[in-house]
Amino acid sequence: MGTKHKCQVCHEAESKYKCPSCRVPYCSLVCFTKHKETPCAIPVPVEEKPVADVKVVEKRPVKVDEPGEVLLKLQLESIASSSEIRNDLMDESLQKLIHKIDCSTDPETELDVAMGVDVFRIFTDKILSAIGS
């Protein structure tokens, strides 16, 4: 028997169907209609999407103030298995924000700036929800 998934529209019921365009799981005609209010498309596999001018950055030490700030393997798997988070990562503006934080010499300041951008703040809320925070 297949893996059970929650409806990615209402986030309450078990999904029974998948959108024929983007494969997002949904539970009912009501949720499908709501999902279709926003245009969707077949997701482009990551390996087929061109990567825009990626610059290699020197590795820097990871600073962790509290051991509780480090995610557990189960939490990372929860993030990776979320189709909603994976779909959000297709957004080029979100990719640029994450890249800017990752490449910054002052990532904490860049993170604070990014939190002022709606698409990034909504994305982080979805991650926190996925890991149960």
N, C-alpha and C. Protein backbone atom coordinates (compact mmCIF):
# COMPACT_ATOMS: atom_id res chain seq x y z
N MET A 1 0.84 -1.17 0.00
CA MET A 1 0.00 0.00 0.00
C MET A 1 0.89 1.24 0.00
N GLY A 2 0.49 2.31 -0.71
CA GLY A 2 1.30 3.52 -0.86
C GLY A 2 1.36 4.33 0.43
N THR A 3 2.28 5.30 0.44
CA THR A 3 2.46 6.18 1.57
C THR A 3 1.29 7.16 1.65
N LYS A 4 0.79 7.40 2.84
CA LYS A 4 -0.31 8.33 3.05
C LYS A 4 0.25 9.76 3.09
N HIS A 5 -0.41 10.69 2.38
CA HIS A 5 0.01 12.09 2.35
C HIS A 5 -1.17 12.97 2.72
N LYS A 6 -0.87 14.10 3.36
CA LYS A 6 -1.91 15.07 3.68
C LYS A 6 -2.19 15.93 2.47
N CYS A 7 -3.40 16.38 2.39
CA CYS A 7 -3.82 17.31 1.35
C CYS A 7 -2.95 18.57 1.46
N GLN A 8 -2.34 18.98 0.35
CA GLN A 8 -1.47 20.15 0.36
C GLN A 8 -2.26 21.45 0.18
N VAL A 9 -3.58 21.35 0.14
CA VAL A 9 -4.41 22.55 0.02
C VAL A 9 -5.01 22.91 1.38
N CYS A 10 -5.73 21.96 2.00
CA CYS A 10 -6.35 22.23 3.30
C CYS A 10 -5.44 21.82 4.47
N HIS A 11 -4.46 20.97 4.20
CA HIS A 11 -3.50 20.48 5.21
C HIS A 11 -4.18 19.76 6.36
N GLU A 12 -5.37 19.19 6.10
CA GLU A 12 -6.09 18.49 7.16
C GLU A 12 -6.38 17.04 6.80
N ALA A 13 -7.03 16.84 5.68
CA ALA A 13 -7.47 15.50 5.29
C ALA A 13 -6.36 14.75 4.56
N GLU A 14 -6.54 13.43 4.50
CA GLU A 14 -5.61 12.59 3.74
C GLU A 14 -5.89 12.80 2.25
N SER A 15 -4.82 12.97 1.48
CA SER A 15 -5.02 13.20 0.05
C SER A 15 -5.43 11.90 -0.63
N LYS A 16 -6.31 12.03 -1.61
CA LYS A 16 -6.76 10.88 -2.39
C LYS A 16 -6.38 11.04 -3.85
N TYR A 17 -6.07 12.27 -4.25
CA TYR A 17 -5.83 12.58 -5.65
C TYR A 17 -4.58 13.44 -5.80
N LYS A 18 -4.11 13.57 -7.06
CA LYS A 18 -2.98 14.46 -7.36
C LYS A 18 -3.35 15.31 -8.56
N CYS A 19 -2.97 16.57 -8.50
CA CYS A 19 -3.22 17.48 -9.62
C CYS A 19 -2.53 16.93 -10.86
N PRO A 20 -3.24 16.85 -11.97
CA PRO A 20 -2.64 16.32 -13.19
C PRO A 20 -1.52 17.21 -13.74
N SER A 21 -1.51 18.48 -13.37
CA SER A 21 -0.48 19.38 -13.88
C SER A 21 0.78 19.36 -13.03
N CYS A 22 0.63 19.58 -11.73
CA CYS A 22 1.81 19.74 -10.87
C CYS A 22 2.01 18.61 -9.86
N ARG A 23 1.07 17.68 -9.81
CA ARG A 23 1.16 16.49 -8.95
C ARG A 23 1.01 16.80 -7.45
N VAL A 24 0.50 17.97 -7.10
CA VAL A 24 0.26 18.32 -5.70
C VAL A 24 -0.91 17.48 -5.19
N PRO A 25 -0.76 16.81 -4.06
CA PRO A 25 -1.85 15.99 -3.52
C PRO A 25 -2.98 16.85 -2.95
N TYR A 26 -4.23 16.42 -3.21
CA TYR A 26 -5.40 17.10 -2.66
C TYR A 26 -6.43 16.05 -2.27
N CYS A 27 -7.45 16.47 -1.50
CA CYS A 27 -8.39 15.50 -0.93
C CYS A 27 -9.78 15.52 -1.55
N SER A 28 -10.16 16.65 -2.19
CA SER A 28 -11.55 16.76 -2.64
C SER A 28 -11.67 17.74 -3.80
N LEU A 29 -12.86 17.79 -4.38
CA LEU A 29 -13.13 18.73 -5.47
C LEU A 29 -13.00 20.17 -4.97
N VAL A 30 -13.42 20.41 -3.74
CA VAL A 30 -13.32 21.75 -3.16
C VAL A 30 -11.85 22.19 -3.12
N CYS A 31 -10.98 21.29 -2.64
CA CYS A 31 -9.55 21.62 -2.56
C CYS A 31 -8.93 21.74 -3.95
N PHE A 32 -9.35 20.88 -4.88
CA PHE A 32 -8.83 20.95 -6.24
C PHE A 32 -9.20 22.30 -6.88
N THR A 33 -10.44 22.73 -6.67
CA THR A 33 -10.89 24.00 -7.22
C THR A 33 -10.10 25.16 -6.62
N LYS A 34 -9.88 25.10 -5.31
CA LYS A 34 -9.09 26.14 -4.64
C LYS A 34 -7.65 26.13 -5.16
N HIS A 35 -7.07 24.95 -5.33
CA HIS A 35 -5.70 24.82 -5.85
C HIS A 35 -5.60 25.43 -7.24
N LYS A 36 -6.60 25.23 -8.08
CA LYS A 36 -6.58 25.70 -9.47
C LYS A 36 -6.82 27.20 -9.59
N GLU A 37 -7.13 27.88 -8.48
CA GLU A 37 -7.27 29.34 -8.51
C GLU A 37 -5.93 29.99 -8.86
N THR A 38 -4.84 29.30 -8.53
CA THR A 38 -3.50 29.74 -8.87
C THR A 38 -2.96 28.82 -9.96
N PRO A 39 -2.49 29.38 -11.07
CA PRO A 39 -1.98 28.51 -12.14
C PRO A 39 -0.82 27.64 -11.65
N CYS A 40 -0.81 26.40 -12.11
CA CYS A 40 0.28 25.50 -11.75
C CYS A 40 0.78 24.84 -13.03
N ALA A 41 1.91 24.17 -12.92
CA ALA A 41 2.50 23.53 -14.09
C ALA A 41 3.25 22.30 -13.65
N ILE A 42 3.63 21.49 -14.62
CA ILE A 42 4.43 20.30 -14.34
C ILE A 42 5.77 20.77 -13.78
N PRO A 43 6.18 20.28 -12.59
CA PRO A 43 7.44 20.72 -12.02
C PRO A 43 8.62 20.29 -12.89
N VAL A 44 9.58 21.20 -13.01
CA VAL A 44 10.78 20.91 -13.78
C VAL A 44 11.75 20.18 -12.85
N PRO A 45 12.21 18.98 -13.25
CA PRO A 45 13.19 18.29 -12.42
C PRO A 45 14.42 19.16 -12.21
N VAL A 46 14.98 19.10 -11.01
CA VAL A 46 16.10 19.95 -10.64
C VAL A 46 17.26 19.83 -11.61
N GLU A 47 17.58 18.61 -12.05
CA GLU A 47 18.73 18.42 -12.93
C GLU A 47 18.54 19.05 -14.30
N GLU A 48 17.31 19.35 -14.70
CA GLU A 48 17.06 19.98 -15.98
C GLU A 48 17.03 21.49 -15.89
N LYS A 49 16.91 22.04 -14.72
CA LYS A 49 16.81 23.48 -14.56
C LYS A 49 18.21 24.08 -14.55
N PRO A 50 18.47 25.07 -15.42
CA PRO A 50 19.79 25.67 -15.44
C PRO A 50 20.07 26.43 -14.15
N VAL A 51 21.27 26.31 -13.67
CA VAL A 51 21.68 26.98 -12.45
C VAL A 51 22.30 28.31 -12.84
N ALA A 52 21.80 29.37 -12.29
CA ALA A 52 22.24 30.71 -12.65
C ALA A 52 23.54 31.08 -11.95
N ASP A 53 24.59 31.27 -12.72
CA ASP A 53 25.87 31.82 -12.28
C ASP A 53 26.22 31.47 -10.83
N VAL A 54 26.50 30.20 -10.57
CA VAL A 54 26.84 29.73 -9.24
C VAL A 54 28.32 29.97 -8.99
N LYS A 55 28.62 30.60 -7.87
CA LYS A 55 29.98 30.93 -7.50
C LYS A 55 30.37 30.05 -6.31
N VAL A 56 31.53 29.41 -6.39
CA VAL A 56 31.99 28.54 -5.31
C VAL A 56 32.52 29.42 -4.18
N VAL A 57 32.06 29.13 -2.98
CA VAL A 57 32.46 29.90 -1.81
C VAL A 57 33.30 29.01 -0.91
N GLU A 58 34.31 29.61 -0.30
CA GLU A 58 35.14 28.85 0.62
C GLU A 58 34.30 28.35 1.78
N LYS A 59 34.63 27.15 2.24
CA LYS A 59 33.91 26.62 3.39
C LYS A 59 34.26 27.45 4.62
N ARG A 60 33.25 27.73 5.39
CA ARG A 60 33.47 28.46 6.63
C ARG A 60 32.98 27.59 7.78
N PRO A 61 33.55 27.75 8.96
CA PRO A 61 33.10 26.93 10.08
C PRO A 61 31.64 27.22 10.43
N VAL A 62 30.95 26.18 10.82
CA VAL A 62 29.56 26.33 11.22
C VAL A 62 29.54 26.63 12.71
N LYS A 63 28.89 27.73 13.06
CA LYS A 63 28.82 28.15 14.45
C LYS A 63 27.43 27.81 14.99
N VAL A 64 27.39 26.99 16.03
CA VAL A 64 26.12 26.62 16.65
C VAL A 64 26.22 26.98 18.13
N ASP A 65 25.35 27.92 18.54
CA ASP A 65 25.34 28.36 19.94
C ASP A 65 24.69 27.32 20.84
N GLU A 66 23.62 26.71 20.36
CA GLU A 66 22.87 25.74 21.14
C GLU A 66 22.76 24.43 20.37
N PRO A 67 23.06 23.29 21.00
CA PRO A 67 22.93 22.00 20.30
C PRO A 67 21.51 21.77 19.78
N GLY A 68 20.50 22.36 20.39
CA GLY A 68 19.12 22.22 19.95
C GLY A 68 18.84 22.91 18.62
N GLU A 69 19.78 23.76 18.15
CA GLU A 69 19.63 24.44 16.87
C GLU A 69 19.96 23.53 15.69
N VAL A 70 20.58 22.38 15.96
CA VAL A 70 20.95 21.44 14.91
C VAL A 70 19.77 20.51 14.65
N LEU A 71 19.36 20.41 13.38
CA LEU A 71 18.22 19.56 13.04
C LEU A 71 18.59 18.09 13.09
N LEU A 72 17.64 17.28 13.51
CA LEU A 72 17.80 15.83 13.52
C LEU A 72 17.56 15.28 12.12
N LYS A 73 18.05 14.08 11.86
CA LYS A 73 17.88 13.46 10.56
C LYS A 73 16.40 13.36 10.18
N LEU A 74 15.56 13.01 11.12
CA LEU A 74 14.12 12.89 10.87
C LEU A 74 13.52 14.24 10.44
N GLN A 75 13.97 15.32 11.06
CA GLN A 75 13.49 16.65 10.70
C GLN A 75 13.94 17.02 9.28
N LEU A 76 15.20 16.70 8.94
CA LEU A 76 15.70 16.97 7.59
C LEU A 76 14.93 16.16 6.56
N GLU A 77 14.61 14.91 6.89
CA GLU A 77 13.84 14.07 5.97
C GLU A 77 12.43 14.62 5.79
N SER A 78 11.87 15.17 6.86
CA SER A 78 10.53 15.76 6.78
C SER A 78 10.52 16.96 5.82
N ILE A 79 11.56 17.77 5.89
CA ILE A 79 11.68 18.91 4.99
C ILE A 79 11.85 18.42 3.56
N ALA A 80 12.75 17.46 3.36
CA ALA A 80 13.03 16.96 2.01
C ALA A 80 11.84 16.27 1.37
N SER A 81 10.96 15.69 2.17
CA SER A 81 9.83 14.95 1.61
C SER A 81 8.60 15.84 1.38
N SER A 82 8.67 17.10 1.77
CA SER A 82 7.53 18.00 1.61
C SER A 82 7.47 18.51 0.16
N SER A 83 6.42 18.13 -0.55
CA SER A 83 6.26 18.60 -1.93
C SER A 83 6.02 20.11 -1.95
N GLU A 84 5.38 20.63 -0.93
CA GLU A 84 5.12 22.07 -0.86
C GLU A 84 6.43 22.85 -0.74
N ILE A 85 7.34 22.37 0.09
CA ILE A 85 8.65 23.03 0.25
C ILE A 85 9.46 22.89 -1.04
N ARG A 86 9.45 21.69 -1.63
CA ARG A 86 10.19 21.49 -2.89
C ARG A 86 9.64 22.40 -3.99
N ASN A 87 8.32 22.55 -4.06
CA ASN A 87 7.72 23.45 -5.05
C ASN A 87 8.13 24.90 -4.80
N ASP A 88 8.16 25.31 -3.54
CA ASP A 88 8.57 26.67 -3.21
C ASP A 88 10.01 26.93 -3.65
N LEU A 89 10.85 25.91 -3.54
CA LEU A 89 12.26 26.08 -3.91
C LEU A 89 12.47 26.27 -5.40
N MET A 90 11.43 26.09 -6.20
CA MET A 90 11.51 26.35 -7.65
C MET A 90 11.43 27.85 -7.94
N ASP A 91 11.00 28.63 -6.95
CA ASP A 91 10.86 30.07 -7.12
C ASP A 91 12.24 30.73 -7.20
N GLU A 92 12.51 31.39 -8.32
CA GLU A 92 13.83 31.98 -8.56
C GLU A 92 14.17 33.07 -7.55
N SER A 93 13.19 33.86 -7.13
CA SER A 93 13.47 34.91 -6.14
C SER A 93 13.86 34.31 -4.79
N LEU A 94 13.21 33.20 -4.43
CA LEU A 94 13.57 32.51 -3.18
C LEU A 94 14.97 31.90 -3.29
N GLN A 95 15.28 31.32 -4.44
CA GLN A 95 16.62 30.77 -4.66
C GLN A 95 17.69 31.85 -4.49
N LYS A 96 17.43 33.02 -5.05
CA LYS A 96 18.40 34.12 -4.96
C LYS A 96 18.60 34.58 -3.51
N LEU A 97 17.50 34.65 -2.76
CA LEU A 97 17.61 35.04 -1.35
C LEU A 97 18.44 34.02 -0.56
N ILE A 98 18.17 32.75 -0.77
CA ILE A 98 18.92 31.70 -0.06
C ILE A 98 20.39 31.73 -0.46
N HIS A 99 20.64 31.91 -1.75
CA HIS A 99 22.02 31.97 -2.26
C HIS A 99 22.76 33.17 -1.64
N LYS A 100 22.07 34.30 -1.56
CA LYS A 100 22.68 35.51 -0.99
C LYS A 100 23.05 35.29 0.48
N ILE A 101 22.19 34.62 1.23
CA ILE A 101 22.50 34.31 2.64
C ILE A 101 23.69 33.37 2.72
N ASP A 102 23.64 32.32 1.89
CA ASP A 102 24.68 31.29 1.93
C ASP A 102 26.06 31.84 1.55
N CYS A 103 26.11 32.78 0.63
CA CYS A 103 27.39 33.31 0.14
C CYS A 103 27.88 34.53 0.91
N SER A 104 27.08 35.01 1.82
CA SER A 104 27.41 36.24 2.53
C SER A 104 28.52 36.05 3.56
N THR A 105 29.30 37.11 3.74
CA THR A 105 30.29 37.11 4.82
C THR A 105 29.62 37.42 6.16
N ASP A 106 28.38 37.92 6.09
CA ASP A 106 27.58 38.21 7.29
C ASP A 106 26.18 37.59 7.11
N PRO A 107 26.11 36.25 7.18
CA PRO A 107 24.82 35.58 6.90
C PRO A 107 23.70 35.94 7.87
N GLU A 108 24.04 36.26 9.12
CA GLU A 108 22.98 36.60 10.08
C GLU A 108 22.26 37.90 9.67
N THR A 109 23.02 38.88 9.19
CA THR A 109 22.41 40.12 8.72
C THR A 109 21.58 39.86 7.48
N GLU A 110 22.09 39.05 6.54
CA GLU A 110 21.35 38.72 5.33
C GLU A 110 20.06 37.96 5.66
N LEU A 111 20.12 37.09 6.66
CA LEU A 111 18.93 36.36 7.10
C LEU A 111 17.89 37.32 7.66
N ASP A 112 18.33 38.30 8.46
CA ASP A 112 17.41 39.30 9.00
C ASP A 112 16.74 40.09 7.88
N VAL A 113 17.51 40.45 6.86
CA VAL A 113 16.97 41.18 5.71
C VAL A 113 15.95 40.30 4.97
N ALA A 114 16.31 39.03 4.74
CA ALA A 114 15.44 38.10 4.01
C ALA A 114 14.12 37.87 4.75
N MET A 115 14.15 37.90 6.08
CA MET A 115 12.92 37.69 6.85
C MET A 115 11.91 38.81 6.62
N GLY A 116 12.36 39.94 6.06
CA GLY A 116 11.45 41.02 5.73
C GLY A 116 10.76 40.83 4.38
N VAL A 117 11.14 39.77 3.65
CA VAL A 117 10.55 39.49 2.34
C VAL A 117 9.50 38.39 2.52
N ASP A 118 8.28 38.66 2.06
CA ASP A 118 7.16 37.74 2.29
C ASP A 118 7.46 36.31 1.84
N VAL A 119 7.99 36.13 0.62
CA VAL A 119 8.19 34.78 0.09
C VAL A 119 9.16 33.99 0.98
N PHE A 120 10.16 34.65 1.54
CA PHE A 120 11.13 33.97 2.41
C PHE A 120 10.51 33.66 3.77
N ARG A 121 9.77 34.62 4.32
CA ARG A 121 9.15 34.40 5.64
C ARG A 121 8.13 33.28 5.58
N ILE A 122 7.34 33.23 4.52
CA ILE A 122 6.35 32.15 4.35
C ILE A 122 7.06 30.81 4.20
N PHE A 123 8.16 30.80 3.44
CA PHE A 123 8.95 29.58 3.25
C PHE A 123 9.50 29.07 4.59
N THR A 124 10.04 29.98 5.41
CA THR A 124 10.58 29.53 6.70
C THR A 124 9.48 29.02 7.62
N ASP A 125 8.28 29.62 7.53
CA ASP A 125 7.15 29.12 8.33
C ASP A 125 6.81 27.69 7.93
N LYS A 126 6.86 27.40 6.63
CA LYS A 126 6.58 26.04 6.15
C LYS A 126 7.63 25.05 6.65
N ILE A 127 8.88 25.46 6.67
CA ILE A 127 9.95 24.60 7.20
C ILE A 127 9.73 24.33 8.68
N LEU A 128 9.43 25.38 9.44
CA LEU A 128 9.19 25.19 10.87
C LEU A 128 8.00 24.28 11.12
N SER A 129 6.99 24.42 10.30
CA SER A 129 5.82 23.55 10.41
C SER A 129 6.19 22.10 10.10
N ALA A 130 7.03 21.90 9.09
CA ALA A 130 7.43 20.55 8.69
C ALA A 130 8.26 19.84 9.76
N ILE A 131 9.05 20.61 10.51
CA ILE A 131 9.90 20.00 11.55
C ILE A 131 9.22 19.97 12.91
N GLY A 132 8.02 20.55 12.98
CA GLY A 132 7.27 20.49 14.23
C GLY A 132 7.67 21.51 15.25
N SER A 133 8.13 22.66 14.78
CA SER A 133 8.51 23.75 15.72
C SER A 133 7.38 24.73 15.91
